[in-house]
Structure formats: structure tokens, C-alpha cells
Amino acid sequence: MGGLWMVALLLLLLLLGPRPGSSAQDLPKKLIAAVGESVTFPLEIPPSFREILWNKNKVNIVTVEPGSPCQLLTFGDYRRRQVNVSKDCGSLTVTELRKEDSAEYTAQILVPGQQSPLRRFHLQVYKRLSEKDLDAACAKVVPGSGNETWQLNCSAGTWEEGVEFNWTSAIQSSSGRLLVIQRNLQEKDLNATCTAKNPIGNTSRTFSLRNTCVAPGYPTTRPTTRTTEESGVMGLSSYVPLGVTISLLLLAKVAISACVFVKWSSCTKQEPLETVMRRGTRESEARGTEEDRSTRRRAPSMATPPSR
């Protein structure tokens, strides 16, 4: 009976133990880098090898052959990028990283007469976040008067992979991208700070609750109740500008009418009839006197000479 237990235990150990050919090297090595910077894939190689095949997502991107210096062949997009290898031709360095460089990488070492070992890497590229990368959206959860419930949502645009958010303010804090807070924005504003953290750094930005949540034209002060006396004064003062305006319009109308009348009178003014008749008599007498003078000048030339 005891022998059967021993056999079962050995079988269990064989099932749970490492499989032939497996090792810790089969697990991908995790690498973290920043956009625009560089990353190095470390690799130990045997003294003699024929070539090293570097693959990205199972697609060959670089081939390294031994030599002094090492012979480097690049393929695809990596032909236009700066790629370097160490002096022993093992480690590979890629510069000017992009977001799309996040991927699975493998290095297959070809050694004559031996099994080709395979090294695996997992690269994750992050951005070093800055304050301008953060933004916040606001929504009113519970509308009403007085204390209203607002919800702030912090975001980092297209760089949110691996990012952790948290909020802090003078009256409330929250872990995560959401902050739900009660506040009467008609009476007083509130600043809330969003902090974003990823594996290569962190940044923060402070938002005004009123500026973020309230649309233009929203009343920022509570309306006050005026007394009867104040209302009367305010009502009277509102009529004063109207009365002044009406008076000015009437004066302008009178002035225009006067100017039109004066101009019409000057154009249609006529002399009295008596004056016109006197001027006609004087003109007739003047014409008669002139005719008598002409007759007297012609008379001597028309007389008959005496006969002899």
C-alpha cells in the first residue's frame, strides 16, 4: 500500500516539476522605456555563433553577424532608424522610441552544431507625462439649488496605459480618475488637483471647479432681496434716462422743423404790391424820357432847306 503512495507522489512531482527544455530564460524579460529615449536588450552570447536574429512580434527586424565590427542588417522600418549593437555583437540598442515600439521581442542565437537558444523580451514604452497632458471633464450628477453634486473625470489623452490617477482638494480626496464632490458654486469656488502616475514618472494639474463645471453666464453670486425703499429708488432711476432721451428727441424735432420753415420762407418771400407798382411807374417814366431825347436829336436832320 505504501509503495502505491510513493508511485503516486513521484508521478505528481513529475507533472508539477519543470518540463524538459524549459528554464527561467523562457519567461520574457520586462523592459520599460520612455518615448523619444532609447532601450537596450541585454543578451549574452556564446564565444562562437553564426548569427543572431532579432524579431519583433515574430517579424525579423535586425540580423547580426560576427565580425570586427559586427555586421548589422536592418529590415523594414528599422532601416531608417538608429540601431546599434554592443562590441561583442550581443546587446541591441534602439533609439528614438515610439509608442508603437511596445511589443514582444525575441533574439534567436544560431550556433553551429548546437540547439539555437531563444531569448524573449517584453518592451513597454510610456510617455513622461507633463501638466498639459492632463485634462478634466465635469458633469452635474444631482442638479438643484444650493449644494449641487459634481463629478470630475481626469484623463491623460492617448497615454493612459499603466497610468494611475488620484484627486486631492481642500475638503475631499479620491483614489482613481473620478472625484464626486458637493459644492455650491454660486457662493464659493474650489480647486481640485489631479495627479497621474505611470512607471516612469508622475505629474499633476489643478483645476478650478467653477471654471471646469460651470457654463458661461452661470450666476456666481446668490441673488439678494432689496427693501421696498431701495426698489423704489432703483425704479425711479430706471425712468430718468428714458425721460431725458424723450426730451432730447422732442428738441431735435422742433429744431429741424424751425430750420425747414426758415429755409422755405426765404425761398418764397414776395414784395408788397404797392412797391411793385411804384417800381413799374418809375421804369415807364424813364423809358418815356429816353424816347423824347431821341426824337429831339433826330429833328434838325429832317427839316427842309430854304429855296433860292
Protein backbone atom coordinates (compact mmCIF):
# COMPACT_ATOMS: atom_id res chain seq x y z
CA MET A 1 0.00 0.00 0.00
CA GLY A 2 2.84 2.32 0.92
CA GLY A 3 4.51 1.60 -2.43
CA LEU A 4 1.46 2.80 -4.30
CA TRP A 5 1.52 6.10 -2.41
CA MET A 6 5.16 6.57 -3.32
CA VAL A 7 4.50 5.93 -7.00
CA ALA A 8 1.58 8.40 -7.00
CA LEU A 9 3.73 11.03 -5.30
CA LEU A 10 6.52 10.62 -7.86
CA LEU A 11 4.04 10.98 -10.74
CA LEU A 12 2.64 14.16 -9.17
CA LEU A 13 6.12 15.63 -8.80
CA LEU A 14 6.87 14.87 -12.43
CA LEU A 15 3.69 16.61 -13.53
CA LEU A 16 4.31 19.69 -11.41
CA GLY A 17 8.05 19.88 -11.99
CA PRO A 18 9.81 21.73 -14.82
CA ARG A 19 9.30 20.32 -18.27
CA PRO A 20 12.33 19.17 -20.27
CA GLY A 21 13.97 22.03 -22.11
CA SER A 22 12.21 24.68 -20.08
CA SER A 23 14.03 27.25 -17.94
CA ALA A 24 13.63 30.69 -16.46
CA GLN A 25 15.05 32.05 -19.69
CA ASP A 26 11.79 31.10 -21.42
CA LEU A 27 9.99 33.82 -19.46
CA PRO A 28 10.10 37.23 -21.18
CA LYS A 29 12.29 39.87 -19.61
CA LYS A 30 10.25 43.01 -18.97
CA LEU A 31 11.76 46.30 -20.12
CA ILE A 32 10.38 49.82 -19.56
CA ALA A 33 11.39 52.88 -21.56
CA ALA A 34 10.21 56.40 -22.40
CA VAL A 35 9.09 57.90 -25.70
CA GLY A 36 11.95 59.60 -27.53
CA GLU A 37 14.59 57.83 -25.47
CA SER A 38 16.46 54.54 -26.01
CA VAL A 39 16.33 50.95 -24.77
CA THR A 40 18.92 48.17 -24.71
CA PHE A 41 18.03 44.49 -24.99
CA PRO A 42 20.76 42.72 -23.00
CA LEU A 43 21.98 39.44 -24.44
CA GLU A 44 24.76 37.04 -23.52
CA ILE A 45 26.14 35.09 -26.46
CA PRO A 46 28.47 32.06 -26.71
CA PRO A 47 32.04 32.58 -27.95
CA SER A 48 31.25 31.32 -31.41
CA PHE A 49 27.95 31.99 -33.17
CA ARG A 50 26.88 32.26 -36.75
CA GLU A 51 24.24 34.97 -36.47
CA ILE A 52 21.57 36.48 -34.20
CA LEU A 53 18.04 37.01 -35.44
CA TRP A 54 16.11 39.79 -33.70
CA ASN A 55 12.33 39.64 -34.17
CA LYS A 56 9.50 41.97 -33.21
CA ASN A 57 6.16 40.22 -32.91
CA LYS A 58 7.71 37.29 -34.85
CA VAL A 59 8.87 39.55 -37.71
CA ASN A 60 12.60 39.84 -38.39
CA ILE A 61 13.82 43.40 -37.88
CA VAL A 62 17.60 43.01 -37.34
CA THR A 63 20.20 40.37 -38.15
CA VAL A 64 23.64 40.49 -36.52
CA GLU A 65 26.67 38.58 -37.87
CA PRO A 66 30.08 38.28 -36.16
CA GLY A 67 32.90 40.48 -37.30
CA SER A 68 35.06 43.40 -36.31
CA PRO A 69 32.99 45.45 -36.21
CA CYS A 70 29.82 43.40 -36.06
CA GLN A 71 27.79 43.20 -39.26
CA LEU A 72 24.33 44.69 -38.78
CA LEU A 73 21.46 44.18 -41.22
CA THR A 74 18.17 46.01 -40.63
CA PHE A 75 14.79 45.40 -42.23
CA GLY A 76 11.52 47.24 -42.68
CA ASP A 77 11.04 50.44 -40.73
CA TYR A 78 14.28 49.85 -38.84
CA ARG A 79 16.30 50.66 -41.95
CA ARG A 80 15.56 54.34 -41.33
CA ARG A 81 16.16 54.22 -37.58
CA GLN A 82 19.25 54.30 -35.44
CA VAL A 83 20.00 50.76 -34.23
CA ASN A 84 23.27 49.76 -32.57
CA VAL A 85 24.86 46.60 -31.15
CA SER A 86 27.46 46.17 -28.47
CA LYS A 87 31.10 45.33 -29.28
CA ASP A 88 30.54 41.65 -28.65
CA CYS A 89 27.55 41.78 -31.07
CA GLY A 90 25.17 40.66 -28.33
CA SER A 91 23.11 43.51 -26.88
CA LEU A 92 20.86 45.51 -29.20
CA THR A 93 20.04 49.21 -28.64
CA VAL A 94 17.12 51.00 -30.30
CA THR A 95 16.90 54.81 -30.04
CA GLU A 96 14.15 57.39 -30.55
CA LEU A 97 11.47 55.09 -29.24
CA ARG A 98 7.84 55.47 -30.27
CA LYS A 99 4.60 54.32 -28.73
CA GLU A 100 4.24 51.55 -31.32
CA ASP A 101 7.58 50.07 -30.22
CA SER A 102 5.74 48.44 -27.32
CA ALA A 103 5.80 44.77 -28.33
CA GLU A 104 7.25 41.29 -27.82
CA TYR A 105 10.86 40.86 -28.97
CA THR A 106 12.92 37.69 -29.36
CA ALA A 107 16.58 37.02 -30.06
CA GLN A 108 17.50 33.67 -31.63
CA ILE A 109 21.20 32.79 -31.41
CA LEU A 110 22.36 30.43 -34.16
CA VAL A 111 25.36 28.36 -33.07
CA PRO A 112 26.86 25.70 -35.39
CA GLY A 113 26.16 22.18 -34.16
CA GLN A 114 24.04 23.33 -31.19
CA GLN A 115 20.42 23.99 -30.40
CA SER A 116 19.54 27.63 -31.02
CA PRO A 117 18.58 29.26 -27.72
CA LEU A 118 15.77 31.83 -27.76
CA ARG A 119 15.66 34.89 -25.53
CA ARG A 120 12.38 36.77 -25.07
CA PHE A 121 11.70 40.40 -24.11
CA HIS A 122 8.57 42.43 -23.46
CA LEU A 123 9.03 46.17 -24.04
CA GLN A 124 6.53 48.73 -22.82
CA VAL A 125 7.01 52.35 -23.91
CA TYR A 126 5.48 55.13 -21.81
CA LYS A 127 5.42 58.88 -22.12
CA ARG A 128 6.87 61.17 -19.50
CA LEU A 129 3.65 62.97 -18.69
CA SER A 130 3.53 66.74 -18.29
CA GLU A 131 0.87 69.05 -16.89
CA LYS A 132 -0.52 69.86 -20.36
CA ASP A 133 -1.23 66.16 -20.96
CA LEU A 134 -3.89 66.14 -18.24
CA ASP A 135 -7.46 67.27 -18.72
CA ALA A 136 -10.68 67.07 -16.74
CA ALA A 137 -14.32 66.77 -17.74
CA CYS A 138 -17.17 67.70 -15.42
CA ALA A 139 -20.78 66.57 -15.14
CA LYS A 140 -23.56 67.55 -12.77
CA VAL A 141 -24.71 64.38 -11.03
CA VAL A 142 -27.50 65.81 -8.87
CA PRO A 143 -28.92 69.15 -10.08
CA GLY A 144 -30.70 71.58 -7.80
CA SER A 145 -30.22 74.74 -5.83
CA GLY A 146 -27.66 75.24 -3.09
CA ASN A 147 -25.17 72.38 -2.75
CA GLU A 148 -25.03 70.50 -6.06
CA THR A 149 -23.18 67.25 -6.75
CA TRP A 150 -20.41 67.44 -9.36
CA GLN A 151 -18.26 64.69 -10.89
CA LEU A 152 -14.77 65.39 -12.23
CA ASN A 153 -13.13 62.91 -14.62
CA CYS A 154 -9.35 63.19 -15.08
CA SER A 155 -7.70 61.87 -18.25
CA ALA A 156 -4.27 61.71 -19.90
CA GLY A 157 -5.37 61.56 -23.53
CA THR A 158 -3.89 58.68 -25.52
CA TRP A 159 -1.25 57.86 -22.89
CA GLU A 160 -3.38 56.23 -20.20
CA GLU A 161 -1.90 52.73 -20.33
CA GLY A 162 -0.37 51.97 -16.96
CA VAL A 163 -1.49 55.34 -15.52
CA GLU A 164 -2.91 55.65 -12.01
CA PHE A 165 -4.98 58.71 -11.05
CA ASN A 166 -5.93 60.35 -7.78
CA TRP A 167 -7.63 63.59 -6.71
CA THR A 168 -6.94 65.93 -3.82
CA SER A 169 -8.78 69.04 -2.66
CA ALA A 170 -9.25 71.12 0.47
CA ILE A 171 -12.38 69.21 1.51
CA GLN A 172 -12.15 65.81 -0.18
CA SER A 173 -9.74 63.36 -1.82
CA SER A 174 -10.30 60.36 -4.06
CA SER A 175 -8.30 57.44 -5.44
CA GLY A 176 -8.96 56.94 -9.14
CA ARG A 177 -9.83 59.16 -12.07
CA LEU A 178 -13.24 60.23 -10.67
CA LEU A 179 -13.94 62.81 -7.99
CA VAL A 180 -17.53 63.27 -6.79
CA ILE A 181 -18.00 66.36 -4.66
CA GLN A 182 -20.80 68.56 -3.32
CA ARG A 183 -20.38 72.30 -3.68
CA ASN A 184 -22.44 75.47 -4.00
CA LEU A 185 -20.52 77.19 -6.79
CA GLN A 186 -22.72 80.30 -6.54
CA GLU A 187 -21.11 81.06 -3.20
CA LYS A 188 -17.53 79.83 -3.42
CA ASP A 189 -15.14 78.14 -5.86
CA LEU A 190 -12.98 75.08 -5.11
CA ASN A 191 -9.65 73.92 -6.56
CA ALA A 192 -9.02 70.21 -7.08
CA THR A 193 -5.69 68.66 -8.15
CA CYS A 194 -5.44 65.57 -10.36
CA THR A 195 -2.22 63.54 -10.17
CA ALA A 196 -1.31 60.98 -12.83
CA LYS A 197 1.46 58.41 -12.33
CA ASN A 198 2.94 55.82 -14.67
CA PRO A 199 6.02 53.55 -14.30
CA ILE A 200 8.44 56.28 -15.43
CA GLY A 201 7.12 59.38 -13.64
CA ASN A 202 4.19 61.45 -12.48
CA THR A 203 2.66 64.88 -12.97
CA SER A 204 -0.29 66.89 -11.62
CA ARG A 205 -2.61 69.70 -12.62
CA THR A 206 -5.00 71.85 -10.59
CA PHE A 207 -8.50 72.62 -11.88
CA SER A 208 -10.98 75.28 -10.76
CA LEU A 209 -14.29 73.56 -10.10
CA ARG A 210 -16.22 76.64 -11.19
CA ASN A 211 -14.27 77.13 -14.43
CA THR A 212 -14.41 73.42 -15.29
CA CYS A 213 -18.02 72.68 -14.42
CA VAL A 214 -19.93 75.92 -14.92
CA ALA A 215 -21.01 77.18 -18.32
CA PRO A 216 -20.57 80.90 -19.21
CA GLY A 217 -23.37 83.00 -17.78
CA TYR A 218 -23.87 80.84 -14.72
CA PRO A 219 -24.65 83.09 -11.70
CA THR A 220 -21.71 83.15 -9.32
CA THR A 221 -23.41 85.12 -6.51
CA ARG A 222 -26.63 84.43 -4.64
CA PRO A 223 -29.41 86.93 -5.56
CA THR A 224 -30.19 89.35 -2.72
CA THR A 225 -33.62 90.73 -1.65
CA ARG A 226 -33.98 94.52 -1.84
CA THR A 227 -36.07 96.56 0.58
CA THR A 228 -39.14 98.50 -0.59
CA GLU A 229 -37.29 101.81 -0.34
CA GLU A 230 -34.32 100.50 -2.38
CA SER A 231 -36.69 99.09 -5.01
CA GLY A 232 -38.44 102.49 -5.32
CA VAL A 233 -35.15 104.31 -5.80
CA MET A 234 -33.98 101.76 -8.34
CA GLY A 235 -37.31 102.01 -10.20
CA LEU A 236 -37.13 105.82 -10.30
CA SER A 237 -33.55 105.80 -11.51
CA SER A 238 -34.50 103.47 -14.33
CA TYR A 239 -37.06 106.03 -15.62
CA VAL A 240 -34.68 109.01 -15.56
CA PRO A 241 -32.60 108.02 -18.62
CA LEU A 242 -35.80 107.33 -20.56
CA GLY A 243 -37.23 110.81 -19.82
CA VAL A 244 -34.01 112.51 -20.83
CA THR A 245 -33.95 110.61 -24.09
CA ILE A 246 -37.54 111.56 -24.97
CA SER A 247 -36.86 115.26 -24.20
CA LEU A 248 -33.81 115.31 -26.45
CA LEU A 249 -35.78 113.73 -29.29
CA LEU A 250 -38.54 116.39 -28.99
CA LEU A 251 -36.00 119.23 -29.01
CA ALA A 252 -34.33 117.80 -32.06
CA LYS A 253 -37.68 117.57 -33.85
CA VAL A 254 -38.53 121.22 -33.06
CA ALA A 255 -35.11 122.41 -34.24
CA ILE A 256 -35.43 120.54 -37.52
CA SER A 257 -38.94 121.96 -38.13
CA ALA A 258 -37.72 125.51 -37.47
CA CYS A 259 -34.84 125.14 -39.89
CA VAL A 260 -37.14 123.81 -42.62
CA PHE A 261 -39.61 126.71 -42.11
CA VAL A 262 -36.91 129.40 -42.27
CA LYS A 263 -35.46 127.95 -45.45
CA TRP A 264 -38.91 127.76 -47.13
CA SER A 265 -39.75 131.37 -46.16
CA SER A 266 -36.51 132.70 -47.62
CA CYS A 267 -37.21 130.98 -50.91
CA THR A 268 -40.89 132.02 -51.25
CA LYS A 269 -40.74 135.58 -49.84
CA GLN A 270 -42.64 138.17 -52.10
CA GLU A 271 -42.58 142.07 -52.16
CA PRO A 272 -45.74 144.14 -51.39
CA LEU A 273 -47.94 145.07 -54.39
CA GLU A 274 -47.57 148.84 -53.83
CA THR A 275 -43.79 148.60 -54.04
CA VAL A 276 -44.02 146.66 -57.28
CA MET A 277 -46.40 149.28 -58.84
CA ARG A 278 -44.12 152.22 -57.88
CA ARG A 279 -41.14 150.47 -59.42
CA GLY A 280 -43.16 149.88 -62.65
CA THR A 281 -44.19 153.60 -62.87
CA ARG A 282 -40.60 154.75 -62.45
CA GLU A 283 -39.45 152.38 -65.15
CA SER A 284 -42.17 153.65 -67.58
CA GLU A 285 -41.29 157.33 -66.96
CA ALA A 286 -37.65 156.59 -67.55
CA ARG A 287 -38.43 154.93 -70.87
CA GLY A 288 -40.60 157.96 -71.98
CA THR A 289 -37.87 160.50 -71.20
CA GLU A 290 -35.36 158.49 -73.18
CA GLU A 291 -37.69 158.43 -76.22
CA ASP A 292 -38.16 162.29 -76.15
CA ARG A 293 -34.42 162.80 -76.15
CA SER A 294 -34.00 160.58 -79.16
CA THR A 295 -36.72 162.48 -81.07
CA ARG A 296 -35.09 165.87 -80.46
CA ARG A 297 -31.73 164.61 -81.73
CA ARG A 298 -33.26 163.45 -85.00
CA ALA A 299 -35.41 166.62 -85.68
CA PRO A 300 -32.74 169.04 -87.33
CA SER A 301 -31.70 166.47 -89.90
CA MET A 302 -35.25 166.04 -91.10
CA ALA A 303 -36.03 169.87 -91.66
CA THR A 304 -36.49 171.11 -95.42
CA PRO A 305 -33.73 173.58 -96.68
CA PRO A 306 -34.90 177.13 -97.84
CA SER A 307 -35.43 177.70 -101.64
CA ARG A 308 -33.28 180.12 -103.56
